[in-house]
Protein backbone atom coordinates (compact mmCIF):
# COMPACT_ATOMS: atom_id res chain seq x y z
CA MET A 1 100.26 20.75 190.11
CA LYS A 2 102.86 20.12 187.40
CA LEU A 3 100.27 21.06 184.74
CA ASN A 4 99.56 24.44 186.34
CA ARG A 5 103.29 25.16 186.60
CA LYS A 6 103.78 24.42 182.92
CA LEU A 7 100.89 26.74 182.01
CA SER A 8 102.38 29.51 184.12
CA ILE A 9 105.77 29.16 182.49
CA GLY A 10 104.22 29.05 179.02
CA GLY A 11 102.19 32.20 179.71
CA ALA A 12 105.28 34.01 180.93
CA ILE A 13 107.15 33.06 177.77
CA VAL A 14 104.29 34.37 175.61
CA LEU A 15 104.23 37.68 177.51
CA LEU A 16 107.97 38.06 177.11
CA ALA A 17 107.67 37.41 173.38
CA VAL A 18 104.90 39.95 172.96
CA GLY A 19 106.84 42.58 174.92
CA ALA A 20 109.96 41.95 172.89
CA ALA A 21 108.02 42.25 169.66
CA ALA A 22 106.41 45.50 170.78
CA ALA A 23 109.78 46.93 171.78
CA TYR A 24 111.23 45.89 168.43
CA PHE A 25 108.50 47.58 166.41
CA ARG A 26 108.74 50.77 168.48
CA SER A 27 112.45 50.99 167.87
CA SER A 28 112.17 50.12 164.15
CA SER A 29 109.48 52.87 163.46
CA VAL A 30 112.11 55.65 163.68
CA ILE A 31 113.35 56.37 160.10
CA PRO A 32 116.81 57.92 159.90
CA VAL A 33 117.09 61.00 157.56
CA ASP A 34 119.97 63.14 156.29
CA VAL A 35 119.86 66.83 157.26
CA PHE A 36 121.61 69.55 155.20
CA GLN A 37 121.78 73.34 155.59
CA ALA A 38 120.11 75.31 152.72
CA LYS A 39 122.53 77.27 150.53
CA ARG A 40 122.29 79.50 147.45
CA TRP A 41 123.74 77.72 144.47
CA SER A 42 123.39 77.65 140.71
CA ILE A 43 121.70 74.56 139.35
CA LYS A 44 123.33 72.99 136.36
CA GLU A 45 122.02 70.16 134.32
CA THR A 46 124.56 67.88 132.76
CA VAL A 47 123.46 65.96 129.70
CA THR A 48 125.48 62.98 128.63
CA ALA A 49 125.17 62.11 124.98
CA VAL A 50 125.12 58.42 124.22
CA SER A 51 125.01 58.93 120.47
CA ALA A 52 125.62 61.59 117.82
CA GLY A 53 122.89 64.23 117.44
CA THR A 54 121.95 67.92 117.39
CA VAL A 55 121.31 70.09 120.45
CA LYS A 56 118.25 72.35 119.98
CA SER A 57 117.04 75.16 122.20
CA ARG A 58 113.76 74.83 124.06
CA TRP A 59 112.69 78.34 122.97
CA GLU A 60 112.85 79.78 119.49
CA SER A 61 111.87 83.24 118.15
CA VAL A 62 110.93 84.14 114.62
CA LEU A 63 112.40 87.52 113.57
CA SER A 64 110.99 89.68 110.81
CA ALA A 65 111.59 93.25 109.64
CA GLU A 66 108.90 95.91 109.39
CA THR A 67 110.10 96.84 105.90
CA LEU A 68 111.53 94.89 103.00
CA GLY A 69 115.11 95.35 101.99
CA ARG A 70 118.49 93.79 101.45
CA VAL A 71 120.63 93.05 104.52
CA ALA A 72 123.50 95.49 104.23
CA GLN A 73 125.07 94.71 107.60
CA ALA A 74 124.57 91.89 110.13
CA ARG A 75 125.38 92.90 113.69
CA ALA A 76 124.59 89.56 115.34
CA GLN A 77 125.61 86.05 114.46
CA GLU A 78 123.86 82.74 115.07
CA GLY A 79 124.26 81.74 118.69
CA ASP A 80 124.98 85.26 119.98
CA SER A 81 123.21 86.50 123.10
CA VAL A 82 121.15 89.61 122.40
CA ARG A 83 118.99 91.94 124.46
CA LYS A 84 115.71 93.65 123.79
CA GLY A 85 116.16 96.63 121.48
CA ALA A 86 119.52 95.49 120.11
CA VAL A 87 120.13 96.12 116.41
CA LEU A 88 120.54 92.73 114.74
CA ALA A 89 120.85 93.83 111.12
CA VAL A 90 120.83 96.91 108.92
CA LEU A 91 118.64 96.80 105.82
CA SER A 92 119.24 98.61 102.56
CA ASP A 93 116.05 99.69 100.79
CA PRO A 94 116.41 101.80 97.61
CA GLU A 95 112.73 102.77 97.77
CA LEU A 96 113.19 104.04 101.31
CA ALA A 97 116.10 106.20 100.18
CA ARG A 98 113.94 107.66 97.40
CA GLN A 99 111.21 108.46 99.92
CA ILE A 100 113.73 110.27 102.13
CA ASP A 101 114.98 112.31 99.16
CA ALA A 102 111.39 113.21 98.23
CA ALA A 103 110.60 114.31 101.79
CA LYS A 104 113.76 116.43 101.92
CA ALA A 105 112.86 118.02 98.58
CA ASP A 106 109.40 118.81 99.96
CA VAL A 107 111.01 120.52 102.95
CA ALA A 108 113.19 122.64 100.67
CA GLN A 109 110.31 123.57 98.37
CA ALA A 110 107.97 124.47 101.21
CA THR A 111 110.73 126.53 102.84
CA ASP A 112 111.20 128.55 99.64
CA LEU A 113 107.44 129.10 99.36
CA LEU A 114 107.36 130.18 102.99
CA GLU A 115 110.05 132.82 102.43
CA GLN A 116 108.15 134.10 99.37
CA ALA A 117 104.91 134.24 101.34
CA LYS A 118 106.59 136.18 104.14
CA ALA A 119 107.93 138.70 101.61
CA ARG A 120 104.47 139.05 100.02
CA ARG A 121 102.94 139.58 103.43
CA GLN A 122 105.34 142.40 104.24
CA GLU A 123 104.52 144.07 100.92
CA ALA A 124 100.77 143.54 101.40
CA GLU A 125 100.94 144.96 104.91
CA ARG A 126 102.86 148.04 103.74
CA LYS A 127 100.37 148.60 100.94
CA PHE A 128 97.44 148.13 103.31
CA GLU A 129 98.80 150.68 105.76
CA SER A 130 99.60 153.14 102.97
CA ASP A 131 96.23 152.76 101.20
CA THR A 132 94.18 152.96 104.38
CA GLY A 133 96.10 156.02 105.56
CA ARG A 134 95.66 157.81 102.21
CA ALA A 135 91.98 156.81 101.94
CA ALA A 136 91.26 157.93 105.47
CA ALA A 137 92.85 161.34 104.82
CA ASN A 138 90.91 161.76 101.54
CA LEU A 139 87.67 160.75 103.26
CA ARG A 140 88.18 163.30 106.05
CA LYS A 141 88.82 166.03 103.47
CA ALA A 142 85.82 164.98 101.37
CA ARG A 143 83.54 165.05 104.38
CA GLU A 144 84.79 168.48 105.42
CA ASP A 145 84.37 169.81 101.85
CA HIS A 146 80.90 168.30 101.66
CA ARG A 147 79.88 169.93 104.95
CA ARG A 148 80.99 173.37 103.71
CA ALA A 149 79.31 172.79 100.34
CA GLU A 150 76.02 172.01 102.08
CA GLU A 151 76.25 175.27 104.05
CA LEU A 152 76.99 177.29 100.90
CA PHE A 153 74.24 175.50 98.97
CA ARG A 154 71.68 176.26 101.68
CA GLY A 155 72.80 179.92 101.67
CA GLY A 156 72.40 180.12 97.90
CA TYR A 157 76.10 180.61 97.27
CA LEU A 158 76.63 177.23 95.55
CA SER A 159 74.92 175.87 92.50
CA LYS A 160 73.15 172.51 92.36
CA ALA A 161 75.77 171.12 89.99
CA GLU A 162 78.54 172.09 92.38
CA MET A 163 76.63 170.44 95.24
CA GLU A 164 76.22 167.27 93.22
CA GLN A 165 79.95 167.31 92.53
CA ALA A 166 80.62 167.46 96.29
CA ASP A 167 78.25 164.52 96.78
CA THR A 168 80.13 162.52 94.16
CA THR A 169 83.51 163.36 95.68
CA LEU A 170 82.34 162.17 99.10
CA ALA A 171 80.91 158.95 97.66
CA ASN A 172 84.15 158.21 95.82
CA ALA A 173 86.22 158.87 98.94
CA SER A 174 84.00 156.52 100.96
CA GLU A 175 84.38 153.80 98.31
CA ASP A 176 88.16 154.22 98.24
CA ALA A 177 88.26 153.81 102.04
CA ARG A 178 86.17 150.63 101.80
CA VAL A 179 88.46 149.14 99.12
CA ALA A 180 91.57 150.08 101.09
CA ALA A 181 90.17 148.27 104.13
CA LEU A 182 89.88 145.10 102.04
CA GLY A 183 93.68 144.99 101.96
CA GLU A 184 93.54 143.54 105.45
CA VAL A 185 91.69 140.54 104.03
CA ASN A 186 94.64 139.92 101.70
CA VAL A 187 97.07 140.12 104.62
CA ARG A 188 95.03 137.61 106.63
CA ALA A 189 94.88 135.26 103.63
CA ILE A 190 98.67 135.34 103.36
CA ASP A 191 98.87 134.65 107.10
CA ARG A 192 96.82 131.48 106.60
CA GLU A 193 99.09 130.49 103.72
CA ILE A 194 102.13 130.96 105.95
CA ASP A 195 100.60 128.80 108.68
CA SER A 196 99.81 126.09 106.12
CA LEU A 197 103.37 126.13 104.78
CA LYS A 198 104.79 125.90 108.31
CA SER A 199 102.63 122.83 108.98
CA ARG A 200 103.77 121.35 105.66
CA ILE A 201 107.41 121.86 106.60
CA ASP A 202 106.90 120.30 110.03
CA GLY A 203 105.19 117.29 108.48
CA ALA A 204 107.89 116.83 105.85
CA ARG A 205 110.64 117.09 108.45
CA ALA A 206 108.85 114.52 110.61
CA SER A 207 108.68 112.21 107.59
CA VAL A 208 112.41 112.63 106.96
CA ALA A 209 113.17 111.78 110.60
CA ALA A 210 110.90 108.74 110.62
CA LEU A 211 112.21 107.40 107.31
CA THR A 212 115.81 107.98 108.38
CA GLU A 213 115.17 106.08 111.60
CA ARG A 214 113.78 103.16 109.61
CA GLN A 215 116.88 103.23 107.42
CA ARG A 216 119.23 102.73 110.38
């Protein structure tokens, strides 16, 4: 009887111990955490130097110019903040200046040639109109004279020599009209020359603008 009572007490103690252990582990499984509200803020990194040294940037850029030249003016210093498209330096290139002068001289020369061509065209056009008008009038008269000569020749009132002279006069008038019409070819040739000179001037002016932009 005493043995059974001891067993019962021992079993109760074991059950209490197991329950206590289970309760302890359940309570200890909860991990406390700190809760903070999210905010916008700039992140700064503070570096503490423990010895003397040099601070270097993580990113570096190698700058180079499209053309060679001597730096005449520096518009940015080491360590300055710059933006895309900013002018960092102005170069001085004597060869570039000579190219600009040559392009400007080409513009001036082509402009003079253009004015001369325009004057020649006006003269050629006046001559063409005058020659064609005169030749057309002579041809009309020669045709009319030739028609009357044929009538007189058929009626026996005009000699063969006189008829041949009328034929020659008509042929010459026709040739003069053909030559006068060729004056239009000369006018059109001058027109093509004018167009070529205008294109030359436009190209030279574009070169001056491009070279000047490179010089800035």
